[in-house]
N, C-alpha and C. Protein backbone atom coordinates (compact mmCIF):
# COMPACT_ATOMS: atom_id res chain seq x y z
N MET A 1 115.60 134.47 85.10
CA MET A 1 114.68 133.95 85.51
C MET A 1 113.53 133.38 84.49
N SER A 2 112.86 132.47 84.40
CA SER A 2 112.31 132.00 83.27
C SER A 2 110.84 132.60 83.33
N LYS A 3 110.08 132.85 82.20
CA LYS A 3 108.88 133.51 82.44
C LYS A 3 107.88 132.63 83.01
N ARG A 4 107.87 131.44 83.12
CA ARG A 4 107.01 130.33 83.67
C ARG A 4 107.27 130.71 85.23
N LEU A 5 108.36 130.59 85.65
CA LEU A 5 108.72 130.94 86.87
C LEU A 5 108.29 132.16 87.63
N LYS A 6 108.62 133.23 86.73
CA LYS A 6 107.93 134.64 87.17
C LYS A 6 106.31 134.45 87.31
N ASN A 7 105.66 133.67 86.42
CA ASN A 7 104.36 133.95 86.47
C ASN A 7 103.82 132.93 88.05
N CYS A 8 104.58 132.00 88.27
CA CYS A 8 104.20 131.17 89.53
C CYS A 8 104.45 132.05 90.56
N ILE A 9 105.43 133.02 90.51
CA ILE A 9 105.64 133.81 91.79
C ILE A 9 104.78 134.97 91.70
N SER A 10 104.21 135.44 90.57
CA SER A 10 103.43 136.75 90.80
C SER A 10 102.13 136.30 91.03
N GLY A 11 101.51 135.12 91.50
CA GLY A 11 100.51 134.79 92.08
C GLY A 11 99.51 134.29 90.84
N ARG A 12 99.99 134.22 89.55
CA ARG A 12 99.04 133.53 88.69
C ARG A 12 98.97 132.04 88.73
N ILE A 13 98.02 131.44 88.23
CA ILE A 13 97.79 129.99 88.38
C ILE A 13 98.89 129.51 87.31
N PRO A 14 99.56 128.58 87.86
CA PRO A 14 100.72 128.10 86.66
C PRO A 14 99.85 126.94 85.66
N LYS A 15 100.55 126.77 84.67
CA LYS A 15 100.20 125.66 83.83
C LYS A 15 100.82 124.68 84.16
N VAL A 16 100.25 123.59 83.45
CA VAL A 16 100.92 121.87 83.87
C VAL A 16 102.32 122.22 83.49
N ASP A 17 102.49 122.63 82.44
CA ASP A 17 103.95 122.42 81.95
C ASP A 17 104.88 123.34 82.87
N ALA A 18 104.35 124.44 83.39
CA ALA A 18 105.39 125.26 84.34
C ALA A 18 105.63 124.45 85.55
N VAL A 19 104.44 123.73 86.20
CA VAL A 19 104.67 123.01 87.43
C VAL A 19 105.63 121.64 87.19
N ARG A 20 105.60 121.10 85.86
CA ARG A 20 106.25 119.83 85.70
C ARG A 20 107.80 120.38 85.49
N ASP A 21 107.97 121.40 84.92
CA ASP A 21 109.14 122.02 84.72
C ASP A 21 110.10 122.22 85.95
N LEU A 22 109.38 122.95 86.80
CA LEU A 22 110.00 123.34 88.19
C LEU A 22 110.07 122.14 88.97
N LEU A 23 109.05 121.05 89.11
CA LEU A 23 109.31 120.07 89.98
C LEU A 23 110.53 119.02 89.52
N SER A 24 110.68 119.15 88.08
CA SER A 24 111.52 118.08 87.65
C SER A 24 112.98 118.71 88.05
N ARG A 25 113.30 119.79 88.42
CA ARG A 25 114.61 120.10 88.87
C ARG A 25 114.71 120.09 90.38
N ILE A 26 113.86 119.53 91.23
CA ILE A 26 113.82 119.49 92.57
C ILE A 26 114.36 117.97 93.00
N ASN A 27 115.12 117.85 93.98
CA ASN A 27 115.63 116.66 94.26
C ASN A 27 114.51 115.99 95.09
N PRO A 28 113.95 114.88 95.23
CA PRO A 28 113.27 114.42 95.96
C PRO A 28 113.42 114.32 97.28
N ASP A 29 114.82 113.98 97.87
CA ASP A 29 115.32 113.82 99.14
C ASP A 29 115.12 115.48 99.77
N GLU A 30 115.34 116.23 99.17
CA GLU A 30 115.14 117.64 99.71
C GLU A 30 113.80 118.01 100.07
N ILE A 31 112.84 117.62 99.44
CA ILE A 31 111.56 117.85 99.61
C ILE A 31 110.91 117.00 100.74
N ARG A 32 111.65 115.70 100.84
CA ARG A 32 111.30 114.82 101.94
C ARG A 32 111.67 115.49 103.38
N SER A 33 112.89 116.06 103.18
CA SER A 33 113.47 116.74 104.54
C SER A 33 112.81 118.11 104.83
N ILE A 34 112.36 118.75 103.92
CA ILE A 34 111.51 119.94 104.10
C ILE A 34 110.32 119.65 104.67
N HIS A 35 109.58 118.55 104.26
CA HIS A 35 108.27 118.06 104.61
C HIS A 35 108.31 117.55 105.96
N GLU A 36 109.59 116.83 106.58
CA GLU A 36 109.37 116.24 107.69
C GLU A 36 109.79 117.52 108.72
N GLU A 37 110.57 118.40 108.34
CA GLU A 37 110.91 119.73 109.28
C GLU A 37 109.63 120.43 109.50
N MET A 38 108.59 120.33 108.15
CA MET A 38 107.31 121.19 108.53
C MET A 38 106.43 120.58 109.24
N ILE A 39 106.46 119.15 109.44
CA ILE A 39 105.52 118.49 110.28
C ILE A 39 105.93 118.57 111.55
N ASP A 40 107.30 118.69 111.90
CA ASP A 40 107.88 118.74 113.51
C ASP A 40 107.40 120.14 113.90
N ILE A 41 107.42 120.95 113.02
CA ILE A 41 107.11 122.58 113.55
C ILE A 41 105.53 122.69 113.67
N ILE A 42 104.78 122.17 112.85
CA ILE A 42 103.25 122.09 112.88
C ILE A 42 102.84 121.28 114.28
N LYS A 43 103.53 120.15 114.47
CA LYS A 43 103.35 119.20 115.82
C LYS A 43 103.69 120.33 117.01
N ARG A 44 104.78 120.93 117.01
CA ARG A 44 105.25 121.59 118.06
C ARG A 44 104.38 122.86 118.49
N ASN A 45 103.89 123.57 117.33
CA ASN A 45 103.28 124.71 117.52
C ASN A 45 101.75 124.45 117.65
N ARG A 46 101.44 123.07 117.92
CA ARG A 46 100.05 122.46 118.14
C ARG A 46 99.04 123.13 117.18
N VAL A 47 99.23 123.17 115.85
CA VAL A 47 98.38 123.58 114.57
C VAL A 47 97.28 122.49 114.63
N PHE A 48 97.48 121.24 114.77
CA PHE A 48 96.29 120.30 114.64
C PHE A 48 96.07 119.89 116.02
N ARG A 49 94.85 120.63 116.43
CA ARG A 49 94.27 120.18 117.79
C ARG A 49 93.00 119.64 117.34
N GLU A 50 92.85 118.29 117.97
CA GLU A 50 91.25 117.66 117.81
C GLU A 50 91.48 117.18 116.25
N GLY A 51 92.40 117.01 115.81
CA GLY A 51 92.63 116.46 114.36
C GLY A 51 92.43 117.28 113.22
N VAL A 52 92.16 118.75 113.42
CA VAL A 52 91.91 119.52 112.26
C VAL A 52 92.78 120.89 112.46
N ILE A 53 92.84 121.47 111.41
CA ILE A 53 93.68 122.82 111.56
C ILE A 53 92.77 123.79 112.18
N GLY A 54 93.18 124.53 113.07
CA GLY A 54 92.55 125.63 113.98
C GLY A 54 91.63 125.11 115.13
N GLY A 55 91.84 123.73 115.36
CA GLY A 55 91.04 123.32 116.56
C GLY A 55 89.57 122.94 116.01
């Protein structure tokens, strides 16, 4: 595992280069799918009541 990735996981604020490197390896279609699933779960769990998180 790269040092940059370890720093991101350990809770340190990542530098721009680390974020760019990690994002460049991700397929945008996968992110879109995960985002859509997350929105469905949020709606199902009624996280947004009255238009904000937590009511």
